[in-house]
Amino acid sequence: MSEFKLQAECFQWYWNNFPNDRGRLFTVNNNAPNSYAGSVMKAMGVVAGVSDMIWLSPTGAVMLEFKAEKGKQSLSQKWWQGVVQEAGYRYEVIRSVEDFQRVVASVE
């Protein structure tokens, strides 16, 4: 399954199963369509490697990086994971809908 499809399926599962928590799971739009937009976004604070989504769980923010089964984190994503964890937040690499459901269940 592609990263895009995995992320979309996880979002839809959350949206449908937790209607009272809508808005707490959201995407981080950090992929520019072209170099000009990229430079504008960078000037506005976009940081390379930031996780695909953020979930505002009942116990705190969880950064979610979606990867296909054989996908690997880039160096900037690994750097971001370190920043997140050093700041005391949770960071999860999600490779399946079941992975995502386990993360949600672990704090519900």
N, C-alpha and C. Protein backbone atom coordinates (compact mmCIF):
# COMPACT_ATOMS: atom_id res chain seq x y z
N MET A 1 0.85 -1.18 0.00
CA MET A 1 0.00 0.00 0.00
C MET A 1 0.89 1.24 0.00
N SER A 2 0.53 2.23 -0.78
CA SER A 2 1.31 3.47 -0.83
C SER A 2 1.15 4.26 0.46
N GLU A 3 2.12 5.13 0.72
CA GLU A 3 2.06 5.98 1.92
C GLU A 3 0.81 6.85 1.88
N PHE A 4 0.49 7.39 0.70
CA PHE A 4 -0.68 8.25 0.57
C PHE A 4 -1.95 7.49 0.94
N LYS A 5 -2.11 6.30 0.39
CA LYS A 5 -3.31 5.50 0.66
C LYS A 5 -3.38 5.09 2.13
N LEU A 6 -2.25 4.71 2.70
CA LEU A 6 -2.20 4.34 4.11
C LEU A 6 -2.64 5.51 4.99
N GLN A 7 -2.08 6.67 4.74
CA GLN A 7 -2.43 7.85 5.53
C GLN A 7 -3.91 8.16 5.39
N ALA A 8 -4.43 8.10 4.17
CA ALA A 8 -5.85 8.39 3.94
C ALA A 8 -6.75 7.38 4.67
N GLU A 9 -6.39 6.11 4.62
CA GLU A 9 -7.20 5.09 5.29
C GLU A 9 -7.19 5.28 6.81
N CYS A 10 -6.03 5.61 7.35
CA CYS A 10 -5.95 5.85 8.79
C CYS A 10 -6.78 7.06 9.18
N PHE A 11 -6.69 8.11 8.40
CA PHE A 11 -7.48 9.31 8.69
C PHE A 11 -8.96 9.00 8.67
N GLN A 12 -9.40 8.30 7.63
CA GLN A 12 -10.83 7.96 7.52
C GLN A 12 -11.28 7.08 8.68
N TRP A 13 -10.47 6.11 9.06
CA TRP A 13 -10.82 5.24 10.20
C TRP A 13 -11.00 6.09 11.45
N TYR A 14 -10.07 7.00 11.71
CA TYR A 14 -10.16 7.85 12.89
C TYR A 14 -11.40 8.75 12.82
N TRP A 15 -11.60 9.37 11.68
CA TRP A 15 -12.74 10.27 11.47
C TRP A 15 -14.06 9.55 11.76
N ASN A 16 -14.18 8.33 11.26
CA ASN A 16 -15.42 7.57 11.41
C ASN A 16 -15.60 6.98 12.80
N ASN A 17 -14.52 6.67 13.50
CA ASN A 17 -14.62 6.01 14.80
C ASN A 17 -14.55 6.96 15.99
N PHE A 18 -14.08 8.17 15.77
CA PHE A 18 -13.96 9.13 16.86
C PHE A 18 -14.56 10.49 16.44
N PRO A 19 -15.86 10.52 16.17
CA PRO A 19 -16.46 11.77 15.67
C PRO A 19 -16.34 12.95 16.63
N ASN A 20 -16.26 12.67 17.92
CA ASN A 20 -16.13 13.76 18.89
C ASN A 20 -14.72 14.34 18.93
N ASP A 21 -13.77 13.65 18.31
CA ASP A 21 -12.37 14.10 18.32
C ASP A 21 -11.91 14.62 16.96
N ARG A 22 -12.85 14.88 16.08
CA ARG A 22 -12.48 15.38 14.76
C ARG A 22 -11.73 16.71 14.91
N GLY A 23 -10.70 16.85 14.12
CA GLY A 23 -9.84 18.03 14.19
C GLY A 23 -8.59 17.80 15.00
N ARG A 24 -8.53 16.70 15.76
CA ARG A 24 -7.34 16.41 16.55
C ARG A 24 -6.29 15.61 15.78
N LEU A 25 -6.67 15.07 14.64
CA LEU A 25 -5.73 14.37 13.76
C LEU A 25 -5.69 15.16 12.46
N PHE A 26 -4.50 15.65 12.11
CA PHE A 26 -4.43 16.50 10.92
C PHE A 26 -3.09 16.32 10.22
N THR A 27 -3.11 16.63 8.95
CA THR A 27 -1.91 16.51 8.13
C THR A 27 -1.06 17.77 8.24
N VAL A 28 0.22 17.60 8.03
CA VAL A 28 1.16 18.71 7.97
C VAL A 28 1.51 18.88 6.50
N ASN A 29 1.08 19.96 5.92
CA ASN A 29 1.29 20.17 4.48
C ASN A 29 2.66 20.80 4.26
N ASN A 30 3.66 19.94 4.07
CA ASN A 30 5.02 20.46 3.89
C ASN A 30 5.65 20.03 2.57
N ASN A 31 4.82 19.68 1.59
CA ASN A 31 5.33 19.30 0.27
C ASN A 31 4.94 20.36 -0.75
N ALA A 32 5.90 21.12 -1.17
CA ALA A 32 5.65 22.21 -2.11
C ALA A 32 5.50 21.67 -3.53
N PRO A 33 4.60 22.27 -4.32
CA PRO A 33 4.40 21.81 -5.69
C PRO A 33 5.51 22.24 -6.65
N ASN A 34 6.27 23.27 -6.26
CA ASN A 34 7.37 23.74 -7.12
C ASN A 34 8.39 24.48 -6.26
N SER A 35 9.51 24.85 -6.88
CA SER A 35 10.61 25.47 -6.11
C SER A 35 10.23 26.84 -5.55
N TYR A 36 9.45 27.61 -6.30
CA TYR A 36 9.03 28.92 -5.79
C TYR A 36 8.18 28.76 -4.53
N ALA A 37 7.18 27.89 -4.63
CA ALA A 37 6.31 27.64 -3.47
C ALA A 37 7.14 27.09 -2.31
N GLY A 38 8.13 26.25 -2.61
CA GLY A 38 9.00 25.70 -1.58
C GLY A 38 9.77 26.78 -0.86
N SER A 39 10.29 27.74 -1.60
CA SER A 39 11.04 28.82 -0.95
C SER A 39 10.12 29.71 -0.11
N VAL A 40 8.90 29.94 -0.59
CA VAL A 40 7.93 30.72 0.19
C VAL A 40 7.58 29.97 1.47
N MET A 41 7.30 28.66 1.33
CA MET A 41 6.94 27.86 2.50
C MET A 41 8.09 27.81 3.51
N LYS A 42 9.32 27.68 3.02
CA LYS A 42 10.48 27.66 3.92
C LYS A 42 10.59 28.97 4.68
N ALA A 43 10.35 30.08 3.99
CA ALA A 43 10.40 31.39 4.64
C ALA A 43 9.30 31.53 5.70
N MET A 44 8.22 30.77 5.51
CA MET A 44 7.10 30.82 6.46
C MET A 44 7.25 29.84 7.61
N GLY A 45 8.33 29.03 7.59
CA GLY A 45 8.59 28.15 8.72
C GLY A 45 8.48 26.67 8.46
N VAL A 46 8.29 26.26 7.21
CA VAL A 46 8.26 24.82 6.92
C VAL A 46 9.65 24.25 7.20
N VAL A 47 9.69 23.12 7.88
CA VAL A 47 10.94 22.47 8.26
C VAL A 47 10.99 21.10 7.59
N ALA A 48 12.10 20.80 6.93
CA ALA A 48 12.26 19.51 6.27
C ALA A 48 12.23 18.39 7.29
N GLY A 49 11.55 17.30 6.93
CA GLY A 49 11.52 16.12 7.78
C GLY A 49 10.36 16.03 8.75
N VAL A 50 9.57 17.09 8.86
CA VAL A 50 8.46 17.09 9.80
C VAL A 50 7.49 15.95 9.44
N SER A 51 6.94 15.34 10.47
CA SER A 51 6.06 14.18 10.29
C SER A 51 4.85 14.51 9.41
N ASP A 52 4.27 13.45 8.83
CA ASP A 52 3.14 13.61 7.92
C ASP A 52 1.89 14.12 8.62
N MET A 53 1.66 13.64 9.83
CA MET A 53 0.46 14.04 10.58
C MET A 53 0.82 14.27 12.04
N ILE A 54 -0.06 14.99 12.71
CA ILE A 54 0.02 15.18 14.15
C ILE A 54 -1.33 14.77 14.73
N TRP A 55 -1.27 14.01 15.81
CA TRP A 55 -2.48 13.62 16.52
C TRP A 55 -2.43 14.23 17.91
N LEU A 56 -3.43 15.01 18.25
CA LEU A 56 -3.54 15.59 19.58
C LEU A 56 -4.31 14.60 20.45
N SER A 57 -3.58 13.65 21.00
CA SER A 57 -4.17 12.57 21.78
C SER A 57 -4.55 13.07 23.17
N PRO A 58 -5.32 12.28 23.91
CA PRO A 58 -5.68 12.68 25.28
C PRO A 58 -4.47 12.84 26.20
N THR A 59 -3.32 12.25 25.83
CA THR A 59 -2.14 12.35 26.70
C THR A 59 -1.05 13.25 26.13
N GLY A 60 -1.29 13.87 24.99
CA GLY A 60 -0.30 14.76 24.40
C GLY A 60 -0.17 14.55 22.90
N ALA A 61 0.62 15.39 22.29
CA ALA A 61 0.79 15.33 20.83
C ALA A 61 1.62 14.11 20.43
N VAL A 62 1.18 13.46 19.36
CA VAL A 62 1.89 12.32 18.79
C VAL A 62 2.18 12.65 17.33
N MET A 63 3.46 12.57 16.95
CA MET A 63 3.86 12.82 15.57
C MET A 63 3.82 11.49 14.82
N LEU A 64 3.18 11.49 13.66
CA LEU A 64 2.97 10.26 12.90
C LEU A 64 3.63 10.36 11.53
N GLU A 65 4.52 9.44 11.24
CA GLU A 65 5.18 9.35 9.94
C GLU A 65 4.67 8.08 9.26
N PHE A 66 4.08 8.22 8.09
CA PHE A 66 3.53 7.09 7.35
C PHE A 66 4.54 6.59 6.33
N LYS A 67 4.77 5.29 6.35
CA LYS A 67 5.73 4.67 5.45
C LYS A 67 5.13 3.41 4.85
N ALA A 68 5.40 3.20 3.56
CA ALA A 68 5.04 1.95 2.92
C ALA A 68 5.84 0.83 3.59
N GLU A 69 5.45 -0.40 3.33
CA GLU A 69 6.07 -1.54 4.02
C GLU A 69 7.59 -1.50 3.99
N LYS A 70 8.17 -1.16 2.86
CA LYS A 70 9.63 -1.14 2.75
C LYS A 70 10.21 0.28 2.74
N GLY A 71 9.36 1.27 3.00
CA GLY A 71 9.82 2.65 3.00
C GLY A 71 10.76 2.95 4.15
N LYS A 72 11.69 3.86 3.93
CA LYS A 72 12.67 4.23 4.95
C LYS A 72 12.60 5.73 5.22
N GLN A 73 12.88 6.10 6.44
CA GLN A 73 12.93 7.51 6.79
C GLN A 73 14.16 8.16 6.14
N SER A 74 13.97 9.39 5.71
CA SER A 74 15.09 10.17 5.20
C SER A 74 15.92 10.67 6.38
N LEU A 75 17.08 11.20 6.10
CA LEU A 75 17.92 11.77 7.17
C LEU A 75 17.19 12.90 7.89
N SER A 76 16.49 13.74 7.13
CA SER A 76 15.77 14.85 7.78
C SER A 76 14.62 14.33 8.65
N GLN A 77 13.99 13.24 8.25
CA GLN A 77 12.93 12.66 9.07
C GLN A 77 13.49 12.05 10.35
N LYS A 78 14.64 11.43 10.26
CA LYS A 78 15.29 10.88 11.46
C LYS A 78 15.71 12.02 12.40
N TRP A 79 16.20 13.12 11.82
CA TRP A 79 16.55 14.29 12.62
C TRP A 79 15.31 14.81 13.35
N TRP A 80 14.19 14.94 12.62
CA TRP A 80 12.95 15.44 13.21
C TRP A 80 12.47 14.51 14.33
N GLN A 81 12.57 13.21 14.13
CA GLN A 81 12.21 12.26 15.17
C GLN A 81 13.01 12.54 16.44
N GLY A 82 14.29 12.80 16.29
CA GLY A 82 15.12 13.12 17.45
C GLY A 82 14.68 14.40 18.13
N VAL A 83 14.35 15.42 17.35
CA VAL A 83 13.88 16.69 17.91
C VAL A 83 12.60 16.46 18.72
N VAL A 84 11.68 15.69 18.15
CA VAL A 84 10.40 15.41 18.81
C VAL A 84 10.62 14.67 20.12
N GLN A 85 11.40 13.60 20.06
CA GLN A 85 11.59 12.78 21.24
C GLN A 85 12.40 13.51 22.31
N GLU A 86 13.37 14.30 21.90
CA GLU A 86 14.15 15.09 22.86
C GLU A 86 13.26 16.10 23.58
N ALA A 87 12.24 16.58 22.90
CA ALA A 87 11.31 17.53 23.50
C ALA A 87 10.26 16.84 24.38
N GLY A 88 10.29 15.50 24.41
CA GLY A 88 9.39 14.76 25.28
C GLY A 88 8.09 14.31 24.64
N TYR A 89 8.02 14.40 23.32
CA TYR A 89 6.80 13.98 22.62
C TYR A 89 6.99 12.60 22.00
N ARG A 90 5.88 12.02 21.62
CA ARG A 90 5.88 10.68 21.02
C ARG A 90 5.95 10.79 19.51
N TYR A 91 6.72 9.89 18.90
CA TYR A 91 6.89 9.82 17.46
C TYR A 91 6.68 8.38 17.04
N GLU A 92 5.82 8.15 16.05
CA GLU A 92 5.52 6.80 15.60
C GLU A 92 5.64 6.71 14.09
N VAL A 93 6.28 5.64 13.63
CA VAL A 93 6.30 5.31 12.20
C VAL A 93 5.17 4.31 11.98
N ILE A 94 4.24 4.65 11.10
CA ILE A 94 3.06 3.85 10.84
C ILE A 94 3.22 3.16 9.49
N ARG A 95 3.12 1.82 9.48
CA ARG A 95 3.28 1.03 8.25
C ARG A 95 2.00 0.30 7.85
N SER A 96 0.98 0.36 8.70
CA SER A 96 -0.29 -0.31 8.40
C SER A 96 -1.41 0.37 9.19
N VAL A 97 -2.63 0.12 8.77
CA VAL A 97 -3.77 0.65 9.52
C VAL A 97 -3.75 0.06 10.94
N GLU A 98 -3.35 -1.19 11.05
CA GLU A 98 -3.29 -1.83 12.36
C GLU A 98 -2.26 -1.14 13.27
N ASP A 99 -1.13 -0.74 12.71
CA ASP A 99 -0.15 0.04 13.49
C ASP A 99 -0.81 1.29 14.05
N PHE A 100 -1.53 2.00 13.20
CA PHE A 100 -2.20 3.23 13.62
C PHE A 100 -3.23 2.94 14.71
N GLN A 101 -4.02 1.90 14.53
CA GLN A 101 -5.03 1.56 15.51
C GLN A 101 -4.40 1.20 16.85
N ARG A 102 -3.25 0.54 16.83
CA ARG A 102 -2.54 0.22 18.09
C ARG A 102 -2.07 1.49 18.79
N VAL A 103 -1.59 2.46 18.03
CA VAL A 103 -1.15 3.73 18.63
C VAL A 103 -2.34 4.42 19.29
N VAL A 104 -3.46 4.48 18.59
CA VAL A 104 -4.66 5.12 19.16
C VAL A 104 -5.12 4.36 20.41
N ALA A 105 -5.15 3.04 20.34
CA ALA A 105 -5.60 2.23 21.48
C ALA A 105 -4.68 2.36 22.69
N SER A 106 -3.40 2.66 22.44
CA SER A 106 -2.44 2.71 23.55
C SER A 106 -2.64 3.93 24.45
N VAL A 107 -3.43 4.90 24.01
CA VAL A 107 -3.66 6.08 24.84
C VAL A 107 -5.14 6.32 25.13
N GLU A 108 -6.00 5.56 24.55
CA GLU A 108 -7.45 5.73 24.78
C GLU A 108 -7.85 5.11 26.10
